[in-house]
């Protein structure tokens, strides 16, 4: 069974979770978590896509992978704002 563009879903999901997990530490550090968590995530997404073809012969850079990463980061930001921030279960995130 082959799912079309499954790798893009994986990129989206991994960066969604990664960015989501960065919000609480940045918030506890009293930094602007809505700026730093997505910025760090975007930086890592860009660096990983830029260097993966240099590190491995079986991998290549793909702009659409970066777009999927960015979409996951944006979704995590909205999800955190709408469903986690300020709620009593924020400490579990």
N, C-alpha and C. Protein backbone atom coordinates (compact mmCIF):
# COMPACT_ATOMS: atom_id res chain seq x y z
N UNK A 1 0.84 -1.18 0.00
CA UNK A 1 0.00 0.00 0.00
C UNK A 1 0.89 1.24 0.00
N UNK A 2 0.62 2.13 -0.90
CA UNK A 2 1.42 3.34 -1.02
C UNK A 2 0.54 4.57 -0.81
N UNK A 3 0.94 5.40 0.11
CA UNK A 3 0.19 6.63 0.38
C UNK A 3 0.92 7.78 -0.32
N UNK A 4 0.24 8.47 -1.24
CA UNK A 4 0.90 9.57 -1.95
C UNK A 4 1.34 10.68 -0.99
N UNK A 5 2.56 11.13 -1.16
CA UNK A 5 3.14 12.23 -0.39
C UNK A 5 3.18 11.94 1.11
N UNK A 6 3.33 10.69 1.45
CA UNK A 6 3.39 10.31 2.87
C UNK A 6 4.57 10.99 3.57
N UNK A 7 5.68 11.17 2.84
CA UNK A 7 6.84 11.81 3.46
C UNK A 7 6.54 13.25 3.87
N UNK A 8 5.66 13.91 3.15
CA UNK A 8 5.28 15.29 3.53
C UNK A 8 4.47 15.29 4.82
N UNK A 9 3.63 14.28 5.00
CA UNK A 9 2.87 14.14 6.25
C UNK A 9 3.82 13.90 7.42
N UNK A 10 4.86 13.12 7.18
CA UNK A 10 5.84 12.86 8.23
C UNK A 10 6.58 14.14 8.59
N UNK A 11 7.01 14.90 7.58
CA UNK A 11 7.68 16.18 7.84
C UNK A 11 6.77 17.11 8.64
N UNK A 12 5.51 17.21 8.22
CA UNK A 12 4.53 18.04 8.93
C UNK A 12 4.42 17.61 10.38
N UNK A 13 4.21 16.33 10.60
CA UNK A 13 4.01 15.81 11.96
C UNK A 13 5.22 15.99 12.85
N UNK A 14 6.40 15.72 12.33
CA UNK A 14 7.61 15.84 13.15
C UNK A 14 7.85 17.29 13.58
N UNK A 15 7.69 18.22 12.67
CA UNK A 15 7.92 19.61 13.04
C UNK A 15 6.76 20.20 13.84
N UNK A 16 5.56 19.66 13.68
CA UNK A 16 4.44 20.05 14.54
C UNK A 16 4.78 19.71 15.99
N UNK A 17 5.20 18.48 16.23
CA UNK A 17 5.52 18.04 17.58
C UNK A 17 6.75 18.77 18.11
N UNK A 18 7.79 18.92 17.29
CA UNK A 18 9.01 19.61 17.72
C UNK A 18 8.70 21.03 18.17
N UNK A 19 7.98 21.79 17.35
CA UNK A 19 7.66 23.17 17.70
C UNK A 19 6.76 23.23 18.93
N UNK A 20 5.79 22.34 19.00
CA UNK A 20 4.88 22.30 20.15
C UNK A 20 5.66 22.08 21.45
N UNK A 21 6.65 21.22 21.41
CA UNK A 21 7.44 20.93 22.60
C UNK A 21 8.36 22.09 23.00
N UNK A 22 8.63 23.01 22.09
CA UNK A 22 9.49 24.15 22.41
C UNK A 22 8.74 25.29 23.11
N UNK A 23 7.44 25.36 22.98
CA UNK A 23 6.69 26.49 23.53
C UNK A 23 6.83 26.63 25.05
N UNK A 24 6.63 25.56 25.78
CA UNK A 24 6.64 25.64 27.24
C UNK A 24 8.01 26.04 27.79
N UNK A 25 9.13 25.44 27.31
CA UNK A 25 10.42 25.88 27.83
C UNK A 25 10.70 27.37 27.57
N UNK A 26 10.38 27.85 26.37
CA UNK A 26 10.58 29.27 26.09
C UNK A 26 9.67 30.15 26.94
N UNK A 27 8.46 29.67 27.20
CA UNK A 27 7.55 30.43 28.06
C UNK A 27 8.06 30.47 29.49
N UNK A 28 8.60 29.35 29.98
CA UNK A 28 9.15 29.31 31.34
C UNK A 28 10.39 30.19 31.48
N UNK A 29 11.12 30.37 30.38
CA UNK A 29 12.29 31.26 30.38
C UNK A 29 11.89 32.73 30.27
N UNK A 30 10.59 32.97 30.21
CA UNK A 30 10.03 34.32 30.09
C UNK A 30 10.48 35.02 28.80
N UNK A 31 10.62 34.22 27.76
CA UNK A 31 10.92 34.75 26.44
C UNK A 31 9.63 34.77 25.62
N UNK A 32 9.63 35.50 24.55
CA UNK A 32 8.46 35.54 23.68
C UNK A 32 8.36 34.19 22.96
N UNK A 33 7.61 33.27 23.57
CA UNK A 33 7.53 31.91 23.06
C UNK A 33 6.87 31.82 21.69
N UNK A 34 6.01 32.79 21.35
CA UNK A 34 5.38 32.79 20.04
C UNK A 34 6.34 33.26 18.95
N UNK A 35 7.45 33.81 19.33
CA UNK A 35 8.49 34.19 18.38
C UNK A 35 9.60 33.14 18.33
N UNK A 36 10.11 32.76 19.50
CA UNK A 36 11.30 31.92 19.54
C UNK A 36 11.04 30.46 19.16
N UNK A 37 9.97 29.86 19.60
CA UNK A 37 9.71 28.45 19.26
C UNK A 37 9.57 28.26 17.75
N UNK A 38 8.74 29.05 17.07
CA UNK A 38 8.68 28.89 15.61
C UNK A 38 9.98 29.28 14.90
N UNK A 39 10.67 30.30 15.41
CA UNK A 39 11.92 30.73 14.77
C UNK A 39 12.99 29.65 14.85
N UNK A 40 13.14 29.05 16.02
CA UNK A 40 14.11 27.96 16.18
C UNK A 40 13.72 26.78 15.29
N UNK A 41 12.45 26.48 15.25
CA UNK A 41 11.97 25.36 14.42
C UNK A 41 12.21 25.63 12.94
N UNK A 42 11.91 26.84 12.49
CA UNK A 42 12.14 27.19 11.08
C UNK A 42 13.63 27.16 10.73
N UNK A 43 14.46 27.65 11.65
CA UNK A 43 15.89 27.62 11.42
C UNK A 43 16.38 26.18 11.26
N UNK A 44 15.95 25.31 12.16
CA UNK A 44 16.35 23.90 12.08
C UNK A 44 15.82 23.26 10.79
N UNK A 45 14.60 23.57 10.41
CA UNK A 45 14.03 23.03 9.17
C UNK A 45 14.86 23.45 7.96
N UNK A 46 15.25 24.71 7.92
CA UNK A 46 16.04 25.22 6.80
C UNK A 46 17.43 24.59 6.77
N UNK A 47 18.07 24.51 7.92
CA UNK A 47 19.41 23.93 7.98
C UNK A 47 19.39 22.45 7.59
N UNK A 48 18.43 21.71 8.11
CA UNK A 48 18.35 20.29 7.78
C UNK A 48 18.12 20.07 6.29
N UNK A 49 17.25 20.84 5.69
CA UNK A 49 17.00 20.69 4.26
C UNK A 49 18.21 21.12 3.44
N UNK A 50 18.94 22.12 3.91
CA UNK A 50 20.09 22.62 3.16
C UNK A 50 21.28 21.67 3.20
N UNK A 51 21.50 21.01 4.32
CA UNK A 51 22.72 20.21 4.46
C UNK A 51 22.52 18.71 4.27
N UNK A 52 21.31 18.22 4.19
CA UNK A 52 21.14 16.77 4.13
C UNK A 52 21.72 16.15 2.88
N UNK A 53 21.78 16.88 1.78
CA UNK A 53 22.39 16.31 0.57
C UNK A 53 23.92 16.30 0.68
N UNK A 54 24.48 17.12 1.56
CA UNK A 54 25.93 17.13 1.77
C UNK A 54 26.38 15.98 2.68
N UNK A 55 25.52 15.60 3.60
CA UNK A 55 25.87 14.60 4.60
C UNK A 55 25.67 13.18 4.08
N UNK A 56 24.66 12.99 3.26
CA UNK A 56 24.31 11.65 2.80
C UNK A 56 24.18 11.63 1.28
N UNK A 57 24.64 10.55 0.68
CA UNK A 57 24.50 10.42 -0.77
C UNK A 57 23.10 9.96 -1.16
N UNK A 58 22.36 9.40 -0.22
CA UNK A 58 21.02 8.90 -0.53
C UNK A 58 19.92 9.93 -0.24
N UNK A 59 20.28 11.10 0.25
CA UNK A 59 19.30 12.13 0.59
C UNK A 59 19.51 13.34 -0.32
N UNK A 60 18.46 14.11 -0.50
CA UNK A 60 18.57 15.34 -1.28
C UNK A 60 17.70 16.41 -0.65
N UNK A 61 18.03 17.65 -0.94
CA UNK A 61 17.22 18.76 -0.44
C UNK A 61 15.95 18.86 -1.26
N UNK A 62 14.87 19.24 -0.60
CA UNK A 62 13.60 19.35 -1.29
C UNK A 62 12.85 20.53 -0.71
N UNK A 63 12.53 21.50 -1.56
CA UNK A 63 11.82 22.69 -1.13
C UNK A 63 10.45 22.35 -0.55
N UNK A 64 9.79 21.35 -1.13
CA UNK A 64 8.47 20.97 -0.64
C UNK A 64 8.52 20.33 0.74
N UNK A 65 9.63 19.69 1.07
CA UNK A 65 9.81 19.20 2.44
C UNK A 65 9.88 20.38 3.40
N UNK A 66 10.58 21.44 3.01
CA UNK A 66 10.65 22.64 3.85
C UNK A 66 9.27 23.27 4.01
N UNK A 67 8.49 23.28 2.94
CA UNK A 67 7.12 23.81 3.02
C UNK A 67 6.28 22.97 3.99
N UNK A 68 6.42 21.65 3.94
CA UNK A 68 5.69 20.78 4.87
C UNK A 68 6.15 21.03 6.30
N UNK A 69 7.46 21.20 6.50
CA UNK A 69 7.98 21.53 7.83
C UNK A 69 7.37 22.84 8.33
N UNK A 70 7.35 23.83 7.47
CA UNK A 70 6.82 25.15 7.84
C UNK A 70 5.33 25.09 8.16
N UNK A 71 4.60 24.29 7.42
CA UNK A 71 3.17 24.13 7.69
C UNK A 71 2.95 23.47 9.05
N UNK A 72 3.77 22.50 9.40
CA UNK A 72 3.68 21.87 10.71
C UNK A 72 3.98 22.85 11.83
N UNK A 73 4.94 23.73 11.60
CA UNK A 73 5.30 24.75 12.59
C UNK A 73 4.16 25.75 12.76
N UNK A 74 3.58 26.19 11.65
CA UNK A 74 2.46 27.13 11.72
C UNK A 74 1.26 26.49 12.42
N UNK A 75 0.98 25.24 12.11
CA UNK A 75 -0.14 24.54 12.75
C UNK A 75 0.10 24.39 14.25
N UNK A 76 1.34 24.09 14.64
CA UNK A 76 1.66 23.95 16.06
C UNK A 76 1.47 25.28 16.79
N UNK A 77 1.84 26.37 16.14
CA UNK A 77 1.70 27.69 16.75
C UNK A 77 0.22 28.00 17.00
N UNK A 78 -0.62 27.78 16.00
CA UNK A 78 -2.05 28.01 16.16
C UNK A 78 -2.66 27.05 17.18
N UNK A 79 -2.25 25.79 17.15
CA UNK A 79 -2.76 24.80 18.09
C UNK A 79 -2.41 25.19 19.52
N UNK A 80 -1.16 25.59 19.75
CA UNK A 80 -0.75 25.99 21.10
C UNK A 80 -1.55 27.20 21.56
N UNK A 81 -1.71 28.18 20.69
CA UNK A 81 -2.44 29.39 21.04
C UNK A 81 -3.91 29.09 21.35
N UNK A 82 -4.54 28.27 20.54
CA UNK A 82 -5.97 28.02 20.68
C UNK A 82 -6.33 27.01 21.77
N UNK A 83 -5.50 25.99 21.95
CA UNK A 83 -5.91 24.88 22.81
C UNK A 83 -5.04 24.64 24.04
N UNK A 84 -3.83 25.18 24.10
CA UNK A 84 -2.95 24.86 25.22
C UNK A 84 -2.63 26.07 26.08
N UNK A 85 -2.27 27.18 25.48
CA UNK A 85 -1.82 28.35 26.22
C UNK A 85 -2.88 28.86 27.19
N UNK A 86 -2.48 29.00 28.44
CA UNK A 86 -3.38 29.52 29.45
C UNK A 86 -4.34 28.51 30.04
N UNK A 87 -4.33 27.30 29.55
CA UNK A 87 -5.20 26.25 30.09
C UNK A 87 -4.50 25.56 31.24
N UNK A 88 -5.27 24.93 32.10
CA UNK A 88 -4.68 24.31 33.28
C UNK A 88 -3.80 23.12 32.92
N UNK A 89 -4.00 22.51 31.76
CA UNK A 89 -3.18 21.37 31.37
C UNK A 89 -1.97 21.78 30.54
N UNK A 90 -1.66 23.09 30.52
CA UNK A 90 -0.47 23.57 29.80
C UNK A 90 0.80 22.97 30.39
N UNK A 91 0.80 22.71 31.70
CA UNK A 91 2.00 22.17 32.32
C UNK A 91 2.31 20.76 31.84
N UNK A 92 1.37 20.07 31.22
CA UNK A 92 1.60 18.72 30.71
C UNK A 92 2.11 18.72 29.27
N UNK A 93 2.10 19.86 28.62
CA UNK A 93 2.53 19.94 27.22
C UNK A 93 4.03 19.89 27.09
